[in-house]
PDB file of N, CA and C in Angstrom:
ATOM      1  N   MET A   1     -18.028  16.178 -12.880  1.00  0.00           N
ATOM      2  CA  MET A   1     -18.641  14.948 -13.643  1.00  0.00           C
ATOM      3  C   MET A   1     -18.696  13.998 -11.890  1.00  0.00           C
ATOM      4  N   LYS A   2     -19.342  13.131 -11.875  1.00  0.00           N
ATOM      5  CA  LYS A   2     -19.994  12.714 -10.992  1.00  0.00           C
ATOM      6  C   LYS A   2     -18.962  11.278 -11.019  1.00  0.00           C
ATOM      7  N   SER A   3     -18.889  10.651 -10.141  1.00  0.00           N
ATOM      8  CA  SER A   3     -17.693   9.094  -9.569  1.00  0.00           C
ATOM      9  C   SER A   3     -18.928   7.870 -10.093  1.00  0.00           C
ATOM     10  N   ARG A   4     -18.491   6.820 -10.705  1.00  0.00           N
ATOM     11  CA  ARG A   4     -19.425   6.040 -10.565  1.00  0.00           C
ATOM     12  C   ARG A   4     -19.491   5.408  -9.061  1.00  0.00           C
ATOM     13  N   PRO A   5     -20.585   4.304  -9.349  1.00  0.00           N
ATOM     14  CA  PRO A   5     -21.100   3.737  -7.505  1.00  0.00           C
ATOM     15  C   PRO A   5     -19.491   2.953  -7.426  1.00  0.00           C
ATOM     16  N   GLY A   6     -19.224   2.734  -5.985  1.00  0.00           N
ATOM     17  CA  GLY A   6     -18.234   1.914  -6.100  1.00  0.00           C
ATOM     18  C   GLY A   6     -16.663   2.236  -6.740  1.00  0.00           C
ATOM     19  N   CYS A   7     -16.780   2.882  -7.030  1.00  0.00           N
ATOM     20  CA  CYS A   7     -15.301   3.958  -7.626  1.00  0.00           C
ATOM     21  C   CYS A   7     -15.092   4.750  -7.123  1.00  0.00           C
ATOM     22  N   ALA A   8     -13.670   4.540  -5.541  1.00  0.00           N
ATOM     23  CA  ALA A   8     -13.249   5.226  -4.597  1.00  0.00           C
ATOM     24  C   ALA A   8     -12.180   6.260  -4.884  1.00  0.00           C
ATOM     25  N   ALA A   9     -11.492   6.888  -4.311  1.00  0.00           N
ATOM     26  CA  ALA A   9     -10.375   8.114  -4.892  1.00  0.00           C
ATOM     27  C   ALA A   9      -9.303   7.062  -4.641  1.00  0.00           C
ATOM     28  N   PRO A  10      -8.003   7.075  -5.493  1.00  0.00           N
ATOM     29  CA  PRO A  10      -7.270   6.143  -5.330  1.00  0.00           C
ATOM     30  C   PRO A  10      -6.353   6.088  -3.915  1.00  0.00           C
ATOM     31  N   ALA A  11      -6.315   6.976  -2.829  1.00  0.00           N
ATOM     32  CA  ALA A  11      -6.030   7.031  -1.548  1.00  0.00           C
ATOM     33  C   ALA A  11      -7.000   5.985  -0.791  1.00  0.00           C
ATOM     34  N   THR A  12      -8.108   6.280  -1.027  1.00  0.00           N
ATOM     35  CA  THR A  12      -9.457   5.471  -0.427  1.00  0.00           C
ATOM     36  C   THR A  12      -9.145   3.658  -0.587  1.00  0.00           C
ATOM     37  N   ARG A  13      -8.764   3.673  -2.519  1.00  0.00           N
ATOM     38  CA  ARG A  13      -8.876   2.277  -2.153  1.00  0.00           C
ATOM     39  C   ARG A  13      -7.148   1.802  -1.750  1.00  0.00           C
ATOM     40  N   GLU A  14      -6.337   2.501  -1.702  1.00  0.00           N
ATOM     41  CA  GLU A  14      -5.438   2.235  -1.128  1.00  0.00           C
ATOM     42  C   GLU A  14      -5.170   1.699   0.007  1.00  0.00           C
ATOM     43  N   ALA A  15      -6.065   2.754   1.054  1.00  0.00           N
ATOM     44  CA  ALA A  15      -6.153   2.545   2.399  1.00  0.00           C
ATOM     45  C   ALA A  15      -7.330   1.288   2.854  1.00  0.00           C
ATOM     46  N   ALA A  16      -8.362   1.195   1.787  1.00  0.00           N
ATOM     47  CA  ALA A  16      -9.396  -0.026   1.778  1.00  0.00           C
ATOM     48  C   ALA A  16      -8.089  -1.442   1.608  1.00  0.00           C
ATOM     49  N   PHE A  17      -7.383  -1.564   1.116  1.00  0.00           N
ATOM     50  CA  PHE A  17      -6.565  -2.548   0.616  1.00  0.00           C
ATOM     51  C   PHE A  17      -5.401  -3.068   2.053  1.00  0.00           C
ATOM     52  N   HIS A  18      -5.086  -1.982   2.181  1.00  0.00           N
ATOM     53  CA  HIS A  18      -3.966  -2.050   3.325  1.00  0.00           C
ATOM     54  C   HIS A  18      -5.109  -2.531   4.603  1.00  0.00           C
ATOM     55  N   GLN A  19      -6.257  -1.956   4.640  1.00  0.00           N
ATOM     56  CA  GLN A  19      -7.286  -2.627   5.768  1.00  0.00           C
ATOM     57  C   GLN A  19      -7.597  -4.225   5.740  1.00  0.00           C
ATOM     58  N   ARG A  20      -7.910  -4.465   4.233  1.00  0.00           N
ATOM     59  CA  ARG A  20      -8.203  -5.930   4.812  1.00  0.00           C
ATOM     60  C   ARG A  20      -6.801  -6.694   4.247  1.00  0.00           C
ATOM     61  N   ALA A  21      -5.629  -6.563   4.140  1.00  0.00           N
ATOM     62  CA  ALA A  21      -4.824  -6.658   4.115  1.00  0.00           C
ATOM     63  C   ALA A  21      -3.967  -7.275   5.803  1.00  0.00           C
ATOM     64  N   GLN A  22      -4.875  -6.589   6.365  1.00  0.00           N
ATOM     65  CA  GLN A  22      -4.203  -6.594   8.079  1.00  0.00           C
ATOM     66  C   GLN A  22      -5.174  -7.781   8.571  1.00  0.00           C
ATOM     67  N   HIS A  23      -6.345  -8.544   7.996  1.00  0.00           N
ATOM     68  CA  HIS A  23      -6.609  -9.215   8.145  1.00  0.00           C
ATOM     69  C   HIS A  23      -6.874 -10.563   7.618  1.00  0.00           C
ATOM     70  N   VAL A  24      -5.240 -10.825   7.037  1.00  0.00           N
ATOM     71  CA  VAL A  24      -5.437 -12.046   6.224  1.00  0.00           C
ATOM     72  C   VAL A  24      -4.512 -12.947   7.078  1.00  0.00           C
ATOM     73  N   HIS A  25      -5.190 -13.955   7.744  1.00  0.00           N
ATOM     74  CA  HIS A  25      -4.470 -15.027   8.709  1.00  0.00           C
ATOM     75  C   HIS A  25      -4.886 -16.311   7.957  1.00  0.00           C
ATOM     76  N   GLY A  26      -3.539 -17.464   8.409  1.00  0.00           N
ATOM     77  CA  GLY A  26      -3.526 -18.749   8.450  1.00  0.00           C
ATOM     78  C   GLY A  26      -3.337 -18.628   7.274  1.00  0.00           C
ATOM     79  N   VAL A  27      -1.901 -18.326   6.637  1.00  0.00           N
ATOM     80  CA  VAL A  27      -1.348 -18.567   5.215  1.00  0.00           C
ATOM     81  C   VAL A  27       0.484 -18.944   5.734  1.00  0.00           C
ATOM     82  N   ASN A  28       0.500 -20.339   5.131  1.00  0.00           N
ATOM     83  CA  ASN A  28       1.573 -20.753   5.748  1.00  0.00           C
ATOM     84  C   ASN A  28       2.805 -19.975   4.765  1.00  0.00           C
ATOM     85  N   TYR A  29       3.193 -19.077   4.159  1.00  0.00           N
ATOM     86  CA  TYR A  29       4.062 -18.156   3.513  1.00  0.00           C
ATOM     87  C   TYR A  29       3.891 -17.021   3.412  1.00  0.00           C
ATOM     88  N   ARG A  30       4.793 -15.704   3.198  1.00  0.00           N
ATOM     89  CA  ARG A  30       5.074 -14.353   3.305  1.00  0.00           C
ATOM     90  C   ARG A  30       5.343 -14.287   2.030  1.00  0.00           C
ATOM     91  N   ILE A  31       4.086 -13.161   1.723  1.00  0.00           N
ATOM     92  CA  ILE A  31       4.238 -12.427   0.227  1.00  0.00           C
ATOM     93  C   ILE A  31       4.530 -10.780   0.642  1.00  0.00           C
ATOM     94  N   ILE A  32       5.674 -10.057  -0.365  1.00  0.00           N
ATOM     95  CA  ILE A  32       6.023  -8.432   0.563  1.00  0.00           C
ATOM     96  C   ILE A  32       4.742  -7.804  -0.541  1.00  0.00           C
ATOM     97  N   VAL A  33       3.935  -7.228  -0.089  1.00  0.00           N
ATOM     98  CA  VAL A  33       3.238  -6.691  -1.028  1.00  0.00           C
ATOM     99  C   VAL A  33       3.550  -4.821  -0.847  1.00  0.00           C
ATOM    100  N   ALA A  34       3.977  -3.749  -1.258  1.00  0.00           N
ATOM    101  CA  ALA A  34       4.006  -2.653  -1.427  1.00  0.00           C
ATOM    102  C   ALA A  34       3.020  -2.038  -2.318  1.00  0.00           C
ATOM    103  N   THR A  35       2.309  -0.960  -1.961  1.00  0.00           N
ATOM    104  CA  THR A  35       1.465  -0.022  -2.674  1.00  0.00           C
ATOM    105  C   THR A  35       1.995   1.585  -2.464  1.00  0.00           C
ATOM    106  N   THR A  36       1.208   2.199  -3.404  1.00  0.00           N
ATOM    107  CA  THR A  36       1.362   3.826  -3.494  1.00  0.00           C
ATOM    108  C   THR A  36       0.624   4.582  -4.382  1.00  0.00           C
ATOM    109  N   THR A  37       0.038   5.220  -4.257  1.00  0.00           N
ATOM    110  CA  THR A  37      -0.498   6.457  -5.472  1.00  0.00           C
ATOM    111  C   THR A  37      -0.165   6.759  -6.526  1.00  0.00           C
ATOM    112  N   LEU A  38      -0.831   7.395  -7.685  1.00  0.00           N
ATOM    113  CA  LEU A  38      -0.421   8.060  -8.469  1.00  0.00           C
ATOM    114  C   LEU A  38      -0.218   9.603  -8.353  1.00  0.00           C
ATOM    115  N   ALA A  39      -0.720   9.771  -6.890  1.00  0.00           N
ATOM    116  CA  ALA A  39      -0.193  11.236  -6.616  1.00  0.00           C
ATOM    117  C   ALA A  39       0.748  11.381  -6.105  1.00  0.00           C
ATOM    118  N   GLN A  40       1.194  10.490  -4.971  1.00  0.00           N
ATOM    119  CA  GLN A  40       2.364  10.125  -4.196  1.00  0.00           C
ATOM    120  C   GLN A  40       3.571  10.412  -5.502  1.00  0.00           C
ATOM    121  N   LEU A  41       3.224   9.313  -6.455  1.00  0.00           N
ATOM    122  CA  LEU A  41       4.499   9.226  -7.421  1.00  0.00           C
ATOM    123  C   LEU A  41       4.237  10.665  -8.186  1.00  0.00           C
ATOM    124  N   THR A  42       3.641  11.396  -8.926  1.00  0.00           N
ATOM    125  CA  THR A  42       3.597  12.276  -9.408  1.00  0.00           C
ATOM    126  C   THR A  42       4.116  13.528  -8.288  1.00  0.00           C
ATOM    127  N   GLN A  43       4.136  13.583  -7.197  1.00  0.00           N
ATOM    128  CA  GLN A  43       4.553  14.451  -5.990  1.00  0.00           C
ATOM    129  C   GLN A  43       6.304  14.106  -5.714  1.00  0.00           C
ATOM    130  N   HIS A  44       5.844  13.047  -5.818  1.00  0.00           N
ATOM    131  CA  HIS A  44       7.600  12.377  -4.943  1.00  0.00           C
ATOM    132  C   HIS A  44       8.051  11.466  -6.455  1.00  0.00           C
ATOM    133  N   CYS A  45       9.372  11.069  -6.344  1.00  0.00           N
ATOM    134  CA  CYS A  45       9.959   9.633  -6.956  1.00  0.00           C
ATOM    135  C   CYS A  45       9.651   8.847  -6.823  1.00  0.00           C
ATOM    136  N   PRO A  46       9.958   7.731  -7.171  1.00  0.00           N
ATOM    137  CA  PRO A  46       9.548   6.445  -6.997  1.00  0.00           C
ATOM    138  C   PRO A  46      10.921   5.705  -5.570  1.00  0.00           C
ATOM    139  N   GLY A  47      11.780   6.584  -5.550  1.00  0.00           N
ATOM    140  CA  GLY A  47      12.757   6.345  -4.700  1.00  0.00           C
ATOM    141  C   GLY A  47      12.608   6.963  -3.455  1.00  0.00           C
ATOM    142  N   GLU A  48      11.585   7.765  -3.585  1.00  0.00           N
ATOM    143  CA  GLU A  48      11.116   8.435  -2.149  1.00  0.00           C
ATOM    144  C   GLU A  48      10.396   7.523  -1.358  1.00  0.00           C
ATOM    145  N   PRO A  49      10.098   7.991  -0.018  1.00  0.00           N
ATOM    146  CA  PRO A  49       9.174   6.772   1.067  1.00  0.00           C
ATOM    147  C   PRO A  49       7.380   7.457   0.331  1.00  0.00           C
ATOM    148  N   VAL A  50       7.646   6.768  -0.683  1.00  0.00           N
ATOM    149  CA  VAL A  50       6.064   6.943  -1.013  1.00  0.00           C
ATOM    150  C   VAL A  50       5.003   5.468  -1.037  1.00  0.00           C
ATOM    151  N   TRP A  51       6.308   4.495  -0.246  1.00  0.00           N
ATOM    152  CA  TRP A  51       5.264   3.145  -0.768  1.00  0.00           C
ATOM    153  C   TRP A  51       5.111   2.748   0.727  1.00  0.00           C
ATOM    154  N   ARG A  52       4.007   1.871   0.990  1.00  0.00           N
ATOM    155  CA  ARG A  52       3.660   1.539   2.101  1.00  0.00           C
ATOM    156  C   ARG A  52       3.555   0.043   1.997  1.00  0.00           C
ATOM    157  N   VAL A  53       3.650  -0.763   3.129  1.00  0.00           N
ATOM    158  CA  VAL A  53       4.089  -2.918   2.981  1.00  0.00           C
ATOM    159  C   VAL A  53       2.493  -3.190   3.600  1.00  0.00           C
ATOM    160  N   ALA A  54       1.667  -3.818   2.839  1.00  0.00           N
ATOM    161  CA  ALA A  54       0.571  -4.202   3.369  1.00  0.00           C
ATOM    162  C   ALA A  54       0.503  -5.650   4.375  1.00  0.00           C
ATOM    163  N   GLY A  55      -0.175  -5.739   5.717  1.00  0.00           N
ATOM    164  CA  GLY A  55      -0.176  -6.545   6.266  1.00  0.00           C
ATOM    165  C   GLY A  55      -0.295  -6.573   7.682  1.00  0.00           C
ATOM    166  N   ARG A  56      -0.429  -7.122   8.169  1.00  0.00           N
ATOM    167  CA  ARG A  56      -0.489  -7.232   9.983  1.00  0.00           C
ATOM    168  C   ARG A  56       0.393  -6.274  10.487  1.00  0.00           C
ATOM    169  N   GLY A  57       0.665  -5.445  11.243  1.00  0.00           N
ATOM    170  CA  GLY A  57       1.263  -4.532  11.892  1.00  0.00           C
ATOM    171  C   GLY A  57       1.978  -3.550  10.991  1.00  0.00           C
ATOM    172  N   GLU A  58       2.048  -3.664   9.739  1.00  0.00           N
ATOM    173  CA  GLU A  58       2.665  -3.094   8.941  1.00  0.00           C
ATOM    174  C   GLU A  58       2.496  -0.957   9.117  1.00  0.00           C
ATOM    175  N   GLY A  59       1.500  -0.901   9.133  1.00  0.00           N
ATOM    176  CA  GLY A  59       0.913   0.505   9.799  1.00  0.00           C
ATOM    177  C   GLY A  59       0.758   1.415   8.665  1.00  0.00           C
ATOM    178  N   GLU A  60       0.921   2.819   8.585  1.00  0.00           N
ATOM    179  CA  GLU A  60       0.897   3.943   7.776  1.00  0.00           C
ATOM    180  C   GLU A  60       1.712   4.562   7.171  1.00  0.00           C
ATOM    181  N   GLU A  61       3.188   3.842   7.735  1.00  0.00           N
ATOM    182  CA  GLU A  61       4.303   4.397   7.747  1.00  0.00           C
ATOM    183  C   GLU A  61       4.677   4.056   5.773  1.00  0.00           C
ATOM    184  N   ARG A  62       5.295   5.289   5.409  1.00  0.00           N
ATOM    185  CA  ARG A  62       5.490   5.061   3.600  1.00  0.00           C
ATOM    186  C   ARG A  62       7.244   4.909   3.796  1.00  0.00           C
ATOM    187  N   ARG A  63       7.698   3.910   2.894  1.00  0.00           N
ATOM    188  CA  ARG A  63       9.010   4.050   3.056  1.00  0.00           C
ATOM    189  C   ARG A  63       9.914   3.942   1.493  1.00  0.00           C
ATOM    190  N   SER A  64      11.235   4.106   1.558  1.00  0.00           N
ATOM    191  CA  SER A  64      11.610   4.130   0.364  1.00  0.00           C
ATOM    192  C   SER A  64      11.703   2.716  -0.012  1.00  0.00           C
ATOM    193  N   LEU A  65      12.364   2.601  -1.682  1.00  0.00           N
ATOM    194  CA  LEU A  65      12.090   1.425  -2.062  1.00  0.00           C
ATOM    195  C   LEU A  65      13.390   0.841  -1.796  1.00  0.00           C
ATOM    196  N   GLU A  66      14.621   1.311  -0.659  1.00  0.00           N
ATOM    197  CA  GLU A  66      15.500   0.615  -0.276  1.00  0.00           C
ATOM    198  C   GLU A  66      15.327   0.133   1.176  1.00  0.00           C
ATOM    199  N   ALA A  67      14.235   0.945   1.752  1.00  0.00           N
ATOM    200  CA  ALA A  67      13.536   0.736   2.767  1.00  0.00           C
ATOM    201  C   ALA A  67      12.691  -0.646   3.200  1.00  0.00           C
ATOM    202  N   LEU A  68      12.091  -0.975   1.850  1.00  0.00           N
ATOM    203  CA  LEU A  68      11.210  -2.185   1.934  1.00  0.00           C
ATOM    204  C   LEU A  68      11.910  -3.348   2.103  1.00  0.00           C
ATOM    205  N   PRO A  69      10.881  -4.304   2.712  1.00  0.00           N
ATOM    206  CA  PRO A  69      11.433  -5.547   3.549  1.00  0.00           C
ATOM    207  C   PRO A  69      12.487  -6.287   2.202  1.00  0.00           C
ATOM    208  N   LYS A  70      13.062  -6.931   2.151  1.00  0.00           N
ATOM    209  CA  LYS A  70      13.446  -7.973   1.470  1.00  0.00           C
ATOM    210  C   LYS A  70      12.319  -8.978   1.268  1.00  0.00           C
ATOM    211  N   GLY A  71      12.635  -9.969   0.337  1.00  0.00           N
ATOM    212  CA  GLY A  71      11.934 -11.091   0.574  1.00  0.00           C
ATOM    213  C   GLY A  71      13.330 -12.119   0.578  1.00  0.00           C
ATOM    214  N   ARG A  72      12.262 -13.509   1.267  1.00  0.00           N
ATOM    215  CA  ARG A  72      13.688 -14.761   1.907  1.00  0.00           C
ATOM    216  C   ARG A  72      13.784 -15.823   0.765  1.00  0.00           C
TER     217      ARG A  72
END
């Protein structure tokens, strides 16, 4: 089965989101956004290091729910 044009695999969409989030500048507030994929959640549980934090300087590191940054 062919995928529709413009539809990327989940890991690709997650990577594209994180790439765009690194280029967000000039906002006067901080919002914490963590993403994961269905494949990560299926293979592991939500409490394991399956989450990636979006934003500048956050990198590729996956974290557990407990290790995510806390809101202020």
